[in-house]
Amino acid sequence: MTLPSIETPRYELTLPSTDKVIQFRPFLVKEEKILLVAMESNNNNEILNAIKEILTACTYEDIDVNTLPIFDIEYIFLQIRSKSVGEVSKVKLLCPDDNETYADVEIDLTKVNVQVDDAHTNNVVIDEKRKLGIVFNYPTLEMTKAGFDMTNTDIDTLFDIMAKSINHIYEGDKIYPSKDSTKEEMKKFLEGLPQTAFNKIKTFFETMPQLRHSVEVENPKTKVKSTIVLKGIRDFFQ
């Protein structure tokens, strides 16, 4: 006997990085199960594979999840989740006034967007006199293994992500595409930079586009109100 099928609605969103409009659908039950199992494992590789599988299916295979910037992936995932489970996410946040009490907070996911720092640029000038600089690509999901935090990433992983993110190095009119060099050569170039130049590169990663949203939290014990800035997909689904 053929059971009745259920039509899933289609929605549209605009990719933050390119302004391309794509269609998507909500999770199916089997896809949400895959995600929940991966999240419970707390294994980055399992989470990565689950996100890739679900996003590819829910966007009708119209995107390549391996090449999109991580902030595009996070935004798509947020939109799919809001249409699948609900536009309000309930999370527990640690109150900063005492750093021990948690408060329940509801977040309207429709108001969460990818934000860009005004001073952000992917063209990092290393030496103005020599007109020496680096143009970066944004890290991808595959590259960061389901996301990374500049302050909590070990130095070897950080250098690896930085080296892989280089589009090209330039000096004056001469261009050195990253595809013409090995990853080891790129890492060696980064390691040979002065600290001031390396700090500029860190600023690129610290200020690149990101899901970001401010919420007000009231400590249920002290009644003190504080503002907390949520960043990255995991902050919205704790």
C-alpha atoms as a PDB file:
ATOM      1  CA  MET A   1       0.000   0.000   0.000  1.00  0.00           C
ATOM      2  CA  THR A   2       1.327   3.419  -0.953  1.00  0.00           C
ATOM      3  CA  LEU A   3       1.064   5.837   1.964  1.00  0.00           C
ATOM      4  CA  PRO A   4       0.226   9.504   1.385  1.00  0.00           C
ATOM      5  CA  SER A   5       3.152  11.878   0.882  1.00  0.00           C
ATOM      6  CA  ILE A   6       3.498  15.278   2.480  1.00  0.00           C
ATOM      7  CA  GLU A   7       4.644  18.294   0.502  1.00  0.00           C
ATOM      8  CA  THR A   8       7.323  20.380   2.208  1.00  0.00           C
ATOM      9  CA  PRO A   9       7.177  24.158   1.739  1.00  0.00           C
ATOM     10  CA  ARG A  10       9.927  26.030  -0.112  1.00  0.00           C
ATOM     11  CA  TYR A  11      11.508  29.234   1.141  1.00  0.00           C
ATOM     12  CA  GLU A  12      14.132  31.621  -0.184  1.00  0.00           C
ATOM     13  CA  LEU A  13      17.169  33.234   1.403  1.00  0.00           C
ATOM     14  CA  THR A  14      20.007  35.433   0.185  1.00  0.00           C
ATOM     15  CA  LEU A  15      23.579  34.276   0.762  1.00  0.00           C
ATOM     16  CA  PRO A  16      25.434  36.976   2.753  1.00  0.00           C
ATOM     17  CA  SER A  17      28.693  36.506   0.819  1.00  0.00           C
ATOM     18  CA  THR A  18      27.376  36.795  -2.742  1.00  0.00           C
ATOM     19  CA  ASP A  19      23.732  37.993  -2.552  1.00  0.00           C
ATOM     20  CA  LYS A  20      22.764  34.856  -4.476  1.00  0.00           C
ATOM     21  CA  VAL A  21      19.176  33.779  -3.814  1.00  0.00           C
ATOM     22  CA  ILE A  22      18.703  30.070  -3.078  1.00  0.00           C
ATOM     23  CA  GLN A  23      15.715  27.955  -2.139  1.00  0.00           C
ATOM     24  CA  PHE A  24      15.522  25.721   0.902  1.00  0.00           C
ATOM     25  CA  ARG A  25      13.107  23.498   2.787  1.00  0.00           C
ATOM     26  CA  PRO A  26      12.747  22.577   6.474  1.00  0.00           C
ATOM     27  CA  PHE A  27      14.396  19.528   8.053  1.00  0.00           C
ATOM     28  CA  LEU A  28      12.633  16.208   7.729  1.00  0.00           C
ATOM     29  CA  VAL A  29      12.370  14.065  10.861  1.00  0.00           C
ATOM     30  CA  LYS A  30      15.144  11.742   9.662  1.00  0.00           C
ATOM     31  CA  GLU A  31      17.464  14.727   9.089  1.00  0.00           C
ATOM     32  CA  GLU A  32      16.839  16.222  12.508  1.00  0.00           C
ATOM     33  CA  LYS A  33      17.599  12.815  14.025  1.00  0.00           C
ATOM     34  CA  ILE A  34      20.946  12.780  12.202  1.00  0.00           C
ATOM     35  CA  LEU A  35      21.739  16.227  13.579  1.00  0.00           C
ATOM     36  CA  LEU A  36      20.738  15.405  17.162  1.00  0.00           C
ATOM     37  CA  VAL A  37      22.855  12.245  17.195  1.00  0.00           C
ATOM     38  CA  ALA A  38      25.843  14.203  15.869  1.00  0.00           C
ATOM     39  CA  MET A  39      25.409  17.026  18.407  1.00  0.00           C
ATOM     40  CA  GLU A  40      25.132  14.549  21.287  1.00  0.00           C
ATOM     41  CA  SER A  41      28.395  12.906  20.198  1.00  0.00           C
ATOM     42  CA  ASN A  42      30.209  16.233  20.594  1.00  0.00           C
ATOM     43  CA  ASN A  43      32.499  14.996  17.808  1.00  0.00           C
ATOM     44  CA  ASN A  44      33.420  17.717  15.327  1.00  0.00           C
ATOM     45  CA  ASN A  45      33.777  15.300  12.411  1.00  0.00           C
ATOM     46  CA  GLU A  46      30.328  13.825  13.025  1.00  0.00           C
ATOM     47  CA  ILE A  47      28.823  17.306  13.378  1.00  0.00           C
ATOM     48  CA  LEU A  48      30.590  18.397  10.190  1.00  0.00           C
ATOM     49  CA  ASN A  49      29.269  15.433   8.204  1.00  0.00           C
ATOM     50  CA  ALA A  50      25.737  15.882   9.558  1.00  0.00           C
ATOM     51  CA  ILE A  51      25.673  19.592   8.660  1.00  0.00           C
ATOM     52  CA  LYS A  52      26.997  18.882   5.161  1.00  0.00           C
ATOM     53  CA  GLU A  53      24.455  16.127   4.538  1.00  0.00           C
ATOM     54  CA  ILE A  54      21.488  18.110   5.838  1.00  0.00           C
ATOM     55  CA  LEU A  55      22.331  21.424   4.162  1.00  0.00           C
ATOM     56  CA  THR A  56      22.948  19.761   0.821  1.00  0.00           C
ATOM     57  CA  ALA A  57      19.578  17.993   0.967  1.00  0.00           C
ATOM     58  CA  CYS A  58      17.605  20.965   2.302  1.00  0.00           C
ATOM     59  CA  THR A  59      18.922  23.340  -0.391  1.00  0.00           C
ATOM     60  CA  TYR A  60      18.093  20.902  -3.205  1.00  0.00           C
ATOM     61  CA  GLU A  61      21.843  20.377  -3.859  1.00  0.00           C
ATOM     62  CA  ASP A  62      22.091  23.979  -5.112  1.00  0.00           C
ATOM     63  CA  ILE A  63      25.121  24.798  -2.947  1.00  0.00           C
ATOM     64  CA  ASP A  64      28.547  23.300  -2.391  1.00  0.00           C
ATOM     65  CA  VAL A  65      28.885  23.246   1.384  1.00  0.00           C
ATOM     66  CA  ASN A  66      32.621  22.577   1.088  1.00  0.00           C
ATOM     67  CA  THR A  67      33.376  25.891  -0.623  1.00  0.00           C
ATOM     68  CA  LEU A  68      30.987  28.356   1.040  1.00  0.00           C
ATOM     69  CA  PRO A  69      32.340  30.630   3.809  1.00  0.00           C
ATOM     70  CA  ILE A  70      31.541  29.397   7.297  1.00  0.00           C
ATOM     71  CA  PHE A  71      29.266  32.398   7.946  1.00  0.00           C
ATOM     72  CA  ASP A  72      27.145  31.501   4.893  1.00  0.00           C
ATOM     73  CA  ILE A  73      26.787  27.957   6.198  1.00  0.00           C
ATOM     74  CA  GLU A  74      25.794  29.187   9.656  1.00  0.00           C
ATOM     75  CA  TYR A  75      23.223  31.570   8.205  1.00  0.00           C
ATOM     76  CA  ILE A  76      21.673  28.878   5.970  1.00  0.00           C
ATOM     77  CA  PHE A  77      21.547  26.460   8.885  1.00  0.00           C
ATOM     78  CA  LEU A  78      19.878  29.078  11.086  1.00  0.00           C
ATOM     79  CA  GLN A  79      17.221  29.787   8.455  1.00  0.00           C
ATOM     80  CA  ILE A  80      16.496  26.094   7.910  1.00  0.00           C
ATOM     81  CA  ARG A  81      16.303  25.461  11.635  1.00  0.00           C
ATOM     82  CA  SER A  82      13.914  28.396  12.191  1.00  0.00           C
ATOM     83  CA  LYS A  83      11.511  27.043   9.561  1.00  0.00           C
ATOM     84  CA  SER A  84      11.840  23.477  10.855  1.00  0.00           C
ATOM     85  CA  VAL A  85      11.564  23.736  14.625  1.00  0.00           C
ATOM     86  CA  GLY A  86      10.395  27.283  15.242  1.00  0.00           C
ATOM     87  CA  GLU A  87      11.516  30.873  14.963  1.00  0.00           C
ATOM     88  CA  VAL A  88      12.206  31.122  18.707  1.00  0.00           C
ATOM     89  CA  SER A  89      15.198  29.336  20.239  1.00  0.00           C
ATOM     90  CA  LYS A  90      15.300  28.807  24.012  1.00  0.00           C
ATOM     91  CA  VAL A  91      18.803  28.806  25.510  1.00  0.00           C
ATOM     92  CA  LYS A  92      20.427  28.976  28.940  1.00  0.00           C
ATOM     93  CA  LEU A  93      23.005  31.743  29.264  1.00  0.00           C
ATOM     94  CA  LEU A  94      25.533  32.309  32.025  1.00  0.00           C
ATOM     95  CA  CYS A  95      24.878  35.646  33.750  1.00  0.00           C
ATOM     96  CA  PRO A  96      28.075  37.741  33.557  1.00  0.00           C
ATOM     97  CA  ASP A  97      27.461  39.627  36.808  1.00  0.00           C
ATOM     98  CA  ASP A  98      28.197  36.570  38.974  1.00  0.00           C
ATOM     99  CA  ASN A  99      29.462  33.986  36.423  1.00  0.00           C
ATOM    100  CA  GLU A 100      27.609  31.176  38.162  1.00  0.00           C
ATOM    101  CA  THR A 101      23.873  31.634  37.579  1.00  0.00           C
ATOM    102  CA  TYR A 102      22.135  30.648  34.355  1.00  0.00           C
ATOM    103  CA  ALA A 103      19.108  32.417  32.934  1.00  0.00           C
ATOM    104  CA  ASP A 104      16.561  31.160  30.398  1.00  0.00           C
ATOM    105  CA  VAL A 105      16.453  33.371  27.314  1.00  0.00           C
ATOM    106  CA  GLU A 106      14.295  33.244  24.191  1.00  0.00           C
ATOM    107  CA  ILE A 107      15.904  34.348  20.918  1.00  0.00           C
ATOM    108  CA  ASP A 108      13.905  35.410  17.877  1.00  0.00           C
ATOM    109  CA  LEU A 109      15.905  33.760  15.089  1.00  0.00           C
ATOM    110  CA  THR A 110      14.304  35.973  12.436  1.00  0.00           C
ATOM    111  CA  LYS A 111      16.241  38.907  13.894  1.00  0.00           C
ATOM    112  CA  VAL A 112      19.639  37.198  13.793  1.00  0.00           C
ATOM    113  CA  ASN A 113      21.823  38.249  10.861  1.00  0.00           C
ATOM    114  CA  VAL A 114      25.376  38.049   9.620  1.00  0.00           C
ATOM    115  CA  GLN A 115      27.148  41.217  10.730  1.00  0.00           C
ATOM    116  CA  VAL A 116      30.338  42.732   9.363  1.00  0.00           C
ATOM    117  CA  ASP A 117      32.749  44.946  11.261  1.00  0.00           C
ATOM    118  CA  ASP A 118      33.090  48.362   9.586  1.00  0.00           C
ATOM    119  CA  ALA A 119      36.886  48.145   9.650  1.00  0.00           C
ATOM    120  CA  HIS A 120      36.985  44.655   8.178  1.00  0.00           C
ATOM    121  CA  THR A 121      38.945  43.964   4.984  1.00  0.00           C
ATOM    122  CA  ASN A 122      40.309  40.806   3.375  1.00  0.00           C
ATOM    123  CA  ASN A 123      43.263  42.754   1.945  1.00  0.00           C
ATOM    124  CA  VAL A 124      45.909  42.744   4.671  1.00  0.00           C
ATOM    125  CA  VAL A 125      48.800  45.127   3.950  1.00  0.00           C
ATOM    126  CA  ILE A 126      52.029  43.772   5.417  1.00  0.00           C
ATOM    127  CA  ASP A 127      54.471  46.480   4.255  1.00  0.00           C
ATOM    128  CA  GLU A 128      53.114  49.722   2.801  1.00  0.00           C
ATOM    129  CA  LYS A 129      56.483  50.846   1.392  1.00  0.00           C
ATOM    130  CA  ARG A 130      56.949  47.614  -0.529  1.00  0.00           C
ATOM    131  CA  LYS A 131      53.213  47.393  -1.305  1.00  0.00           C
ATOM    132  CA  LEU A 132      53.374  43.884   0.105  1.00  0.00           C
ATOM    133  CA  GLY A 133      50.197  42.246   1.263  1.00  0.00           C
ATOM    134  CA  ILE A 134      47.922  39.208   1.451  1.00  0.00           C
ATOM    135  CA  VAL A 135      44.412  38.774   0.081  1.00  0.00           C
ATOM    136  CA  PHE A 136      42.436  36.178   2.046  1.00  0.00           C
ATOM    137  CA  ASN A 137      39.487  33.954   1.253  1.00  0.00           C
ATOM    138  CA  TYR A 138      37.028  33.292   4.050  1.00  0.00           C
ATOM    139  CA  PRO A 139      37.431  29.965   5.885  1.00  0.00           C
ATOM    140  CA  THR A 140      35.048  27.216   4.800  1.00  0.00           C
ATOM    141  CA  LEU A 141      33.179  24.574   6.770  1.00  0.00           C
ATOM    142  CA  GLU A 142      35.555  21.834   5.617  1.00  0.00           C
ATOM    143  CA  MET A 143      38.583  23.924   6.540  1.00  0.00           C
ATOM    144  CA  THR A 144      37.464  24.804  10.060  1.00  0.00           C
ATOM    145  CA  LYS A 145      35.890  21.437  10.906  1.00  0.00           C
ATOM    146  CA  ALA A 146      32.527  22.842  12.017  1.00  0.00           C
ATOM    147  CA  GLY A 147      33.803  26.192  13.188  1.00  0.00           C
ATOM    148  CA  PHE A 148      36.646  27.623  15.198  1.00  0.00           C
ATOM    149  CA  ASP A 149      37.262  30.303  17.792  1.00  0.00           C
ATOM    150  CA  MET A 150      40.384  32.461  17.478  1.00  0.00           C
ATOM    151  CA  THR A 151      40.852  32.550  21.243  1.00  0.00           C
ATOM    152  CA  ASN A 152      40.412  28.799  21.783  1.00  0.00           C
ATOM    153  CA  THR A 153      42.204  27.329  18.761  1.00  0.00           C
ATOM    154  CA  ASP A 154      45.661  25.820  19.194  1.00  0.00           C
ATOM    155  CA  ILE A 155      48.454  27.586  17.312  1.00  0.00           C
ATOM    156  CA  ASP A 156      49.122  24.757  14.828  1.00  0.00           C
ATOM    157  CA  THR A 157      45.470  24.595  13.777  1.00  0.00           C
ATOM    158  CA  LEU A 158      45.326  28.380  13.598  1.00  0.00           C
ATOM    159  CA  PHE A 159      48.341  28.562  11.271  1.00  0.00           C
ATOM    160  CA  ASP A 160      46.888  25.765   9.150  1.00  0.00           C
ATOM    161  CA  ILE A 161      43.590  27.639   8.696  1.00  0.00           C
ATOM    162  CA  MET A 162      45.387  30.906   7.957  1.00  0.00           C
ATOM    163  CA  ALA A 163      47.622  29.264   5.336  1.00  0.00           C
ATOM    164  CA  LYS A 164      44.680  27.545   3.637  1.00  0.00           C
ATOM    165  CA  SER A 165      42.721  30.828   3.580  1.00  0.00           C
ATOM    166  CA  ILE A 166      45.320  32.744   1.561  1.00  0.00           C
ATOM    167  CA  ASN A 167      44.070  33.580  -1.935  1.00  0.00           C
ATOM    168  CA  HIS A 168      47.283  35.255  -3.027  1.00  0.00           C
ATOM    169  CA  ILE A 169      50.257  37.276  -1.858  1.00  0.00           C
ATOM    170  CA  TYR A 170      51.242  40.391  -3.774  1.00  0.00           C
ATOM    171  CA  GLU A 171      54.147  42.809  -3.944  1.00  0.00           C
ATOM    172  CA  GLY A 172      53.475  45.809  -6.145  1.00  0.00           C
ATOM    173  CA  ASP A 173      52.080  44.460  -9.410  1.00  0.00           C
ATOM    174  CA  LYS A 174      53.469  40.958  -8.890  1.00  0.00           C
ATOM    175  CA  ILE A 175      50.954  38.311  -7.772  1.00  0.00           C
ATOM    176  CA  TYR A 176      51.804  35.039  -6.028  1.00  0.00           C
ATOM    177  CA  PRO A 177      48.670  32.811  -6.158  1.00  0.00           C
ATOM    178  CA  SER A 178      48.394  30.361  -3.281  1.00  0.00           C
ATOM    179  CA  LYS A 179      47.676  27.513  -5.710  1.00  0.00           C
ATOM    180  CA  ASP A 180      51.240  27.863  -6.993  1.00  0.00           C
ATOM    181  CA  SER A 181      52.725  27.247  -3.535  1.00  0.00           C
ATOM    182  CA  THR A 182      52.508  24.378  -1.041  1.00  0.00           C
ATOM    183  CA  LYS A 183      50.754  24.711   2.300  1.00  0.00           C
ATOM    184  CA  GLU A 184      54.151  24.374   3.991  1.00  0.00           C
ATOM    185  CA  GLU A 185      55.520  27.305   1.968  1.00  0.00           C
ATOM    186  CA  MET A 186      52.541  29.438   2.977  1.00  0.00           C
ATOM    187  CA  LYS A 187      52.965  28.517   6.643  1.00  0.00           C
ATOM    188  CA  LYS A 188      56.670  29.330   6.444  1.00  0.00           C
ATOM    189  CA  PHE A 189      55.801  32.733   4.949  1.00  0.00           C
ATOM    190  CA  LEU A 190      53.398  33.422   7.827  1.00  0.00           C
ATOM    191  CA  GLU A 191      55.945  32.332  10.421  1.00  0.00           C
ATOM    192  CA  GLY A 192      58.482  34.774   8.955  1.00  0.00           C
ATOM    193  CA  LEU A 193      56.236  37.814   9.364  1.00  0.00           C
ATOM    194  CA  PRO A 194      56.850  40.451  12.054  1.00  0.00           C
ATOM    195  CA  GLN A 195      54.407  40.370  14.986  1.00  0.00           C
ATOM    196  CA  THR A 196      52.719  43.607  13.862  1.00  0.00           C
ATOM    197  CA  ALA A 197      51.863  42.031  10.501  1.00  0.00           C
ATOM    198  CA  PHE A 198      50.638  38.833  12.134  1.00  0.00           C
ATOM    199  CA  ASN A 199      48.340  40.880  14.378  1.00  0.00           C
ATOM    200  CA  LYS A 200      46.761  42.403  11.266  1.00  0.00           C
ATOM    201  CA  ILE A 201      46.044  38.916   9.966  1.00  0.00           C
ATOM    202  CA  LYS A 202      44.478  37.929  13.283  1.00  0.00           C
ATOM    203  CA  THR A 203      42.285  41.025  13.016  1.00  0.00           C
ATOM    204  CA  PHE A 204      41.004  39.783   9.644  1.00  0.00           C
ATOM    205  CA  PHE A 205      39.810  36.545  11.250  1.00  0.00           C
ATOM    206  CA  GLU A 206      38.500  38.229  14.396  1.00  0.00           C
ATOM    207  CA  THR A 207      36.389  40.747  12.462  1.00  0.00           C
ATOM    208  CA  MET A 208      35.219  38.654   9.507  1.00  0.00           C
ATOM    209  CA  PRO A 209      31.437  38.348   8.932  1.00  0.00           C
ATOM    210  CA  GLN A 210      29.702  36.292  11.584  1.00  0.00           C
ATOM    211  CA  LEU A 211      26.290  35.470  12.972  1.00  0.00           C
ATOM    212  CA  ARG A 212      26.017  37.941  15.812  1.00  0.00           C
ATOM    213  CA  HIS A 213      23.143  39.003  18.054  1.00  0.00           C
ATOM    214  CA  SER A 214      22.888  40.923  21.345  1.00  0.00           C
ATOM    215  CA  VAL A 215      20.462  39.736  24.018  1.00  0.00           C
ATOM    216  CA  GLU A 216      19.578  41.130  27.423  1.00  0.00           C
ATOM    217  CA  VAL A 217      19.845  38.710  30.333  1.00  0.00           C
ATOM    218  CA  GLU A 218      18.402  39.207  33.805  1.00  0.00           C
ATOM    219  CA  ASN A 219      20.020  37.228  36.594  1.00  0.00           C
ATOM    220  CA  PRO A 220      17.138  35.445  38.408  1.00  0.00           C
ATOM    221  CA  LYS A 221      19.031  35.691  41.703  1.00  0.00           C
ATOM    222  CA  THR A 222      20.492  39.195  41.678  1.00  0.00           C
ATOM    223  CA  LYS A 223      18.019  40.792  39.213  1.00  0.00           C
ATOM    224  CA  VAL A 224      20.992  42.442  37.512  1.00  0.00           C
ATOM    225  CA  LYS A 225      20.503  42.947  33.762  1.00  0.00           C
ATOM    226  CA  SER A 226      23.395  42.397  31.373  1.00  0.00           C
ATOM    227  CA  THR A 227      23.929  42.320  27.624  1.00  0.00           C
ATOM    228  CA  ILE A 228      25.463  39.220  26.066  1.00  0.00           C
ATOM    229  CA  VAL A 229      26.647  39.006  22.457  1.00  0.00           C
ATOM    230  CA  LEU A 230      26.009  35.619  20.847  1.00  0.00           C
ATOM    231  CA  LYS A 231      28.381  34.627  18.052  1.00  0.00           C
ATOM    232  CA  GLY A 232      28.393  31.588  15.776  1.00  0.00           C
ATOM    233  CA  ILE A 233      25.784  28.907  15.328  1.00  0.00           C
ATOM    234  CA  ARG A 234      26.441  27.010  18.568  1.00  0.00           C
ATOM    235  CA  ASP A 235      25.612  30.012  20.750  1.00  0.00           C
ATOM    236  CA  PHE A 236      22.052  30.009  19.434  1.00  0.00           C
ATOM    237  CA  PHE A 237      21.326  26.345  20.193  1.00  0.00           C
ATOM    238  CA  GLN A 238      22.915  25.636  23.552  1.00  0.00           C
END
